[in-house]
Amino acid sequence: MQIKILGSGCAKCQRLEQLARQAAAELGVEAEFDHVRDMDKIMAYPIMTTPALVIDGEVKVAGRIPSRDEIAGWLKPTP
C-alpha cells in the first residue's frame, strides 16, 4: 500500500502522517509512506488545500486532519 501525505511539512501535515502511521501499525498494514513537500508535485493532485492524504493514488481527504479511526477505515483491506 502506498500512502502519501501532501503538505509543506507544517504541524498539521506532520500530525496527519503520525496518525496514518499509527493506524497502519495498529491494523498491521504494510505500507510505504511518502511525505510530498514539493509544491509542483502537490499541485498534480486534485486538491485545493493541505494537508492531504492519498492512499494508493486516491485522495481520501484534503484540508483537514481526519481521526485515526477514519484513517483506519480507509486502510482496512477490502475482502
N, C-alpha and C. Protein backbone atom coordinates (compact mmCIF):
# COMPACT_ATOMS: atom_id res chain seq x y z
N MET A 1 0.85 -1.17 0.00
CA MET A 1 0.00 0.00 0.00
C MET A 1 0.90 1.24 0.00
N GLN A 2 0.56 2.21 -0.81
CA GLN A 2 1.31 3.45 -0.92
C GLN A 2 0.50 4.57 -0.28
N ILE A 3 1.07 5.21 0.74
CA ILE A 3 0.40 6.30 1.43
C ILE A 3 1.23 7.55 1.28
N LYS A 4 0.59 8.62 0.80
CA LYS A 4 1.29 9.89 0.63
C LYS A 4 0.61 10.96 1.47
N ILE A 5 1.45 11.76 2.12
CA ILE A 5 0.99 12.92 2.84
C ILE A 5 1.41 14.11 1.99
N LEU A 6 0.46 14.94 1.59
CA LEU A 6 0.77 16.11 0.78
C LEU A 6 0.75 17.34 1.68
N GLY A 7 1.85 18.06 1.71
CA GLY A 7 1.91 19.27 2.52
C GLY A 7 3.33 19.75 2.71
N SER A 8 3.45 20.97 3.18
CA SER A 8 4.75 21.64 3.29
C SER A 8 5.61 21.12 4.42
N GLY A 9 5.02 20.35 5.32
CA GLY A 9 5.78 19.88 6.48
C GLY A 9 5.38 20.62 7.74
N CYS A 10 4.27 21.34 7.69
CA CYS A 10 3.78 22.08 8.85
C CYS A 10 3.31 21.11 9.93
N ALA A 11 2.92 21.63 11.07
CA ALA A 11 2.49 20.80 12.19
C ALA A 11 1.28 19.93 11.82
N LYS A 12 0.35 20.47 11.05
CA LYS A 12 -0.83 19.69 10.64
C LYS A 12 -0.43 18.53 9.73
N CYS A 13 0.49 18.78 8.83
CA CYS A 13 0.97 17.73 7.92
C CYS A 13 1.67 16.62 8.71
N GLN A 14 2.47 17.04 9.67
CA GLN A 14 3.19 16.06 10.48
C GLN A 14 2.22 15.25 11.33
N ARG A 15 1.18 15.90 11.84
CA ARG A 15 0.18 15.19 12.65
C ARG A 15 -0.58 14.18 11.79
N LEU A 16 -0.92 14.55 10.56
CA LEU A 16 -1.61 13.62 9.66
C LEU A 16 -0.74 12.40 9.38
N GLU A 17 0.54 12.62 9.15
CA GLU A 17 1.45 11.49 8.90
C GLU A 17 1.54 10.60 10.14
N GLN A 18 1.63 11.20 11.30
CA GLN A 18 1.71 10.44 12.55
C GLN A 18 0.45 9.58 12.73
N LEU A 19 -0.72 10.15 12.50
CA LEU A 19 -1.97 9.40 12.64
C LEU A 19 -2.06 8.26 11.62
N ALA A 20 -1.63 8.51 10.40
CA ALA A 20 -1.67 7.48 9.36
C ALA A 20 -0.73 6.34 9.70
N ARG A 21 0.45 6.66 10.19
CA ARG A 21 1.40 5.62 10.59
C ARG A 21 0.86 4.80 11.76
N GLN A 22 0.24 5.47 12.73
CA GLN A 22 -0.34 4.76 13.87
C GLN A 22 -1.46 3.83 13.42
N ALA A 23 -2.34 4.31 12.55
CA ALA A 23 -3.45 3.50 12.07
C ALA A 23 -2.94 2.28 11.31
N ALA A 24 -1.94 2.47 10.46
CA ALA A 24 -1.38 1.35 9.69
C ALA A 24 -0.74 0.33 10.63
N ALA A 25 -0.02 0.81 11.63
CA ALA A 25 0.64 -0.10 12.58
C ALA A 25 -0.40 -0.90 13.38
N GLU A 26 -1.46 -0.23 13.83
CA GLU A 26 -2.49 -0.91 14.61
C GLU A 26 -3.20 -2.00 13.80
N LEU A 27 -3.35 -1.74 12.50
CA LEU A 27 -4.03 -2.71 11.64
C LEU A 27 -3.08 -3.77 11.09
N GLY A 28 -1.79 -3.56 11.28
CA GLY A 28 -0.81 -4.48 10.73
C GLY A 28 -0.70 -4.37 9.22
N VAL A 29 -1.04 -3.21 8.69
CA VAL A 29 -0.99 -2.97 7.24
C VAL A 29 0.43 -2.58 6.85
N GLU A 30 0.96 -3.28 5.86
CA GLU A 30 2.28 -2.94 5.36
C GLU A 30 2.12 -1.81 4.35
N ALA A 31 2.74 -0.68 4.66
CA ALA A 31 2.56 0.49 3.80
C ALA A 31 3.88 1.22 3.63
N GLU A 32 4.01 1.84 2.47
CA GLU A 32 5.16 2.68 2.17
C GLU A 32 4.69 4.13 2.27
N PHE A 33 5.33 4.91 3.12
CA PHE A 33 4.94 6.30 3.34
C PHE A 33 5.85 7.25 2.57
N ASP A 34 5.24 8.30 2.05
CA ASP A 34 5.98 9.32 1.33
C ASP A 34 5.37 10.67 1.70
N HIS A 35 6.18 11.58 2.23
CA HIS A 35 5.70 12.93 2.54
C HIS A 35 6.11 13.83 1.38
N VAL A 36 5.14 14.25 0.59
CA VAL A 36 5.38 15.06 -0.60
C VAL A 36 5.34 16.54 -0.20
N ARG A 37 6.49 17.19 -0.29
CA ARG A 37 6.58 18.60 0.08
C ARG A 37 6.75 19.52 -1.14
N ASP A 38 7.08 18.94 -2.27
CA ASP A 38 7.30 19.72 -3.49
C ASP A 38 5.97 20.25 -4.02
N MET A 39 5.84 21.57 -4.10
CA MET A 39 4.56 22.17 -4.48
C MET A 39 4.10 21.76 -5.88
N ASP A 40 5.03 21.59 -6.80
CA ASP A 40 4.64 21.17 -8.15
C ASP A 40 4.01 19.77 -8.13
N LYS A 41 4.57 18.89 -7.32
CA LYS A 41 4.02 17.53 -7.21
C LYS A 41 2.67 17.55 -6.49
N ILE A 42 2.54 18.40 -5.49
CA ILE A 42 1.27 18.52 -4.77
C ILE A 42 0.18 19.03 -5.71
N MET A 43 0.54 20.00 -6.55
CA MET A 43 -0.43 20.60 -7.48
C MET A 43 -0.93 19.60 -8.53
N ALA A 44 -0.24 18.48 -8.69
CA ALA A 44 -0.66 17.46 -9.65
C ALA A 44 -1.90 16.72 -9.15
N TYR A 45 -2.20 16.84 -7.87
CA TYR A 45 -3.38 16.18 -7.29
C TYR A 45 -4.56 17.15 -7.27
N PRO A 46 -5.79 16.61 -7.35
CA PRO A 46 -6.98 17.48 -7.37
C PRO A 46 -7.36 17.96 -5.96
N ILE A 47 -6.49 18.75 -5.36
CA ILE A 47 -6.77 19.28 -4.02
C ILE A 47 -6.59 20.79 -4.04
N MET A 48 -7.29 21.46 -3.13
CA MET A 48 -7.18 22.91 -3.03
C MET A 48 -6.40 23.33 -1.78
N THR A 49 -6.42 22.47 -0.75
CA THR A 49 -5.74 22.81 0.49
C THR A 49 -5.00 21.60 1.03
N THR A 50 -4.00 21.88 1.83
CA THR A 50 -3.25 20.81 2.50
C THR A 50 -3.52 20.92 3.99
N PRO A 51 -3.28 19.91 4.76
CA PRO A 51 -2.68 18.64 4.37
C PRO A 51 -3.68 17.77 3.62
N ALA A 52 -3.14 16.80 2.89
CA ALA A 52 -3.97 15.85 2.18
C ALA A 52 -3.38 14.45 2.34
N LEU A 53 -4.27 13.48 2.30
CA LEU A 53 -3.88 12.08 2.44
C LEU A 53 -4.27 11.35 1.16
N VAL A 54 -3.29 10.68 0.56
CA VAL A 54 -3.50 9.92 -0.68
C VAL A 54 -3.15 8.47 -0.40
N ILE A 55 -4.08 7.57 -0.66
CA ILE A 55 -3.84 6.15 -0.45
C ILE A 55 -3.99 5.44 -1.79
N ASP A 56 -2.92 4.79 -2.21
CA ASP A 56 -2.87 4.09 -3.49
C ASP A 56 -3.39 4.96 -4.64
N GLY A 57 -2.94 6.22 -4.66
CA GLY A 57 -3.28 7.13 -5.75
C GLY A 57 -4.61 7.84 -5.62
N GLU A 58 -5.39 7.53 -4.60
CA GLU A 58 -6.71 8.14 -4.43
C GLU A 58 -6.69 9.12 -3.25
N VAL A 59 -7.09 10.37 -3.52
CA VAL A 59 -7.16 11.38 -2.47
C VAL A 59 -8.31 11.02 -1.54
N LYS A 60 -8.00 10.81 -0.27
CA LYS A 60 -9.03 10.45 0.71
C LYS A 60 -9.54 11.66 1.48
N VAL A 61 -8.66 12.62 1.73
CA VAL A 61 -9.05 13.81 2.48
C VAL A 61 -8.08 14.94 2.17
N ALA A 62 -8.58 16.16 2.19
CA ALA A 62 -7.72 17.34 1.98
C ALA A 62 -8.27 18.49 2.81
N GLY A 63 -7.35 19.24 3.39
CA GLY A 63 -7.73 20.44 4.11
C GLY A 63 -8.13 20.25 5.56
N ARG A 64 -8.06 19.03 6.04
CA ARG A 64 -8.39 18.77 7.44
C ARG A 64 -7.64 17.53 7.91
N ILE A 65 -7.61 17.36 9.22
CA ILE A 65 -6.96 16.18 9.80
C ILE A 65 -8.06 15.21 10.24
N PRO A 66 -8.19 14.08 9.57
CA PRO A 66 -9.21 13.10 9.97
C PRO A 66 -8.80 12.39 11.25
N SER A 67 -9.77 11.74 11.87
CA SER A 67 -9.46 10.96 13.08
C SER A 67 -8.68 9.71 12.69
N ARG A 68 -8.00 9.14 13.68
CA ARG A 68 -7.26 7.89 13.43
C ARG A 68 -8.22 6.79 13.00
N ASP A 69 -9.42 6.76 13.59
CA ASP A 69 -10.41 5.75 13.20
C ASP A 69 -10.86 5.92 11.76
N GLU A 70 -11.01 7.16 11.33
CA GLU A 70 -11.39 7.42 9.94
C GLU A 70 -10.30 6.93 8.99
N ILE A 71 -9.05 7.22 9.33
CA ILE A 71 -7.92 6.76 8.51
C ILE A 71 -7.89 5.24 8.50
N ALA A 72 -8.09 4.62 9.65
CA ALA A 72 -8.09 3.15 9.74
C ALA A 72 -9.14 2.55 8.82
N GLY A 73 -10.29 3.19 8.72
CA GLY A 73 -11.33 2.71 7.82
C GLY A 73 -10.89 2.71 6.37
N TRP A 74 -10.10 3.68 5.98
CA TRP A 74 -9.59 3.74 4.61
C TRP A 74 -8.49 2.73 4.37
N LEU A 75 -7.79 2.36 5.44
CA LEU A 75 -6.65 1.44 5.30
C LEU A 75 -7.04 -0.03 5.37
N LYS A 76 -8.22 -0.32 5.92
CA LYS A 76 -8.63 -1.72 6.06
C LYS A 76 -8.75 -2.36 4.69
N PRO A 77 -8.15 -3.54 4.55
CA PRO A 77 -8.25 -4.24 3.26
C PRO A 77 -9.70 -4.64 2.99
N THR A 78 -10.11 -4.49 1.75
CA THR A 78 -11.46 -4.88 1.37
C THR A 78 -11.46 -6.35 0.97
N PRO A 79 -12.46 -7.11 1.41
CA PRO A 79 -12.50 -8.54 1.10
C PRO A 79 -12.78 -8.82 -0.36
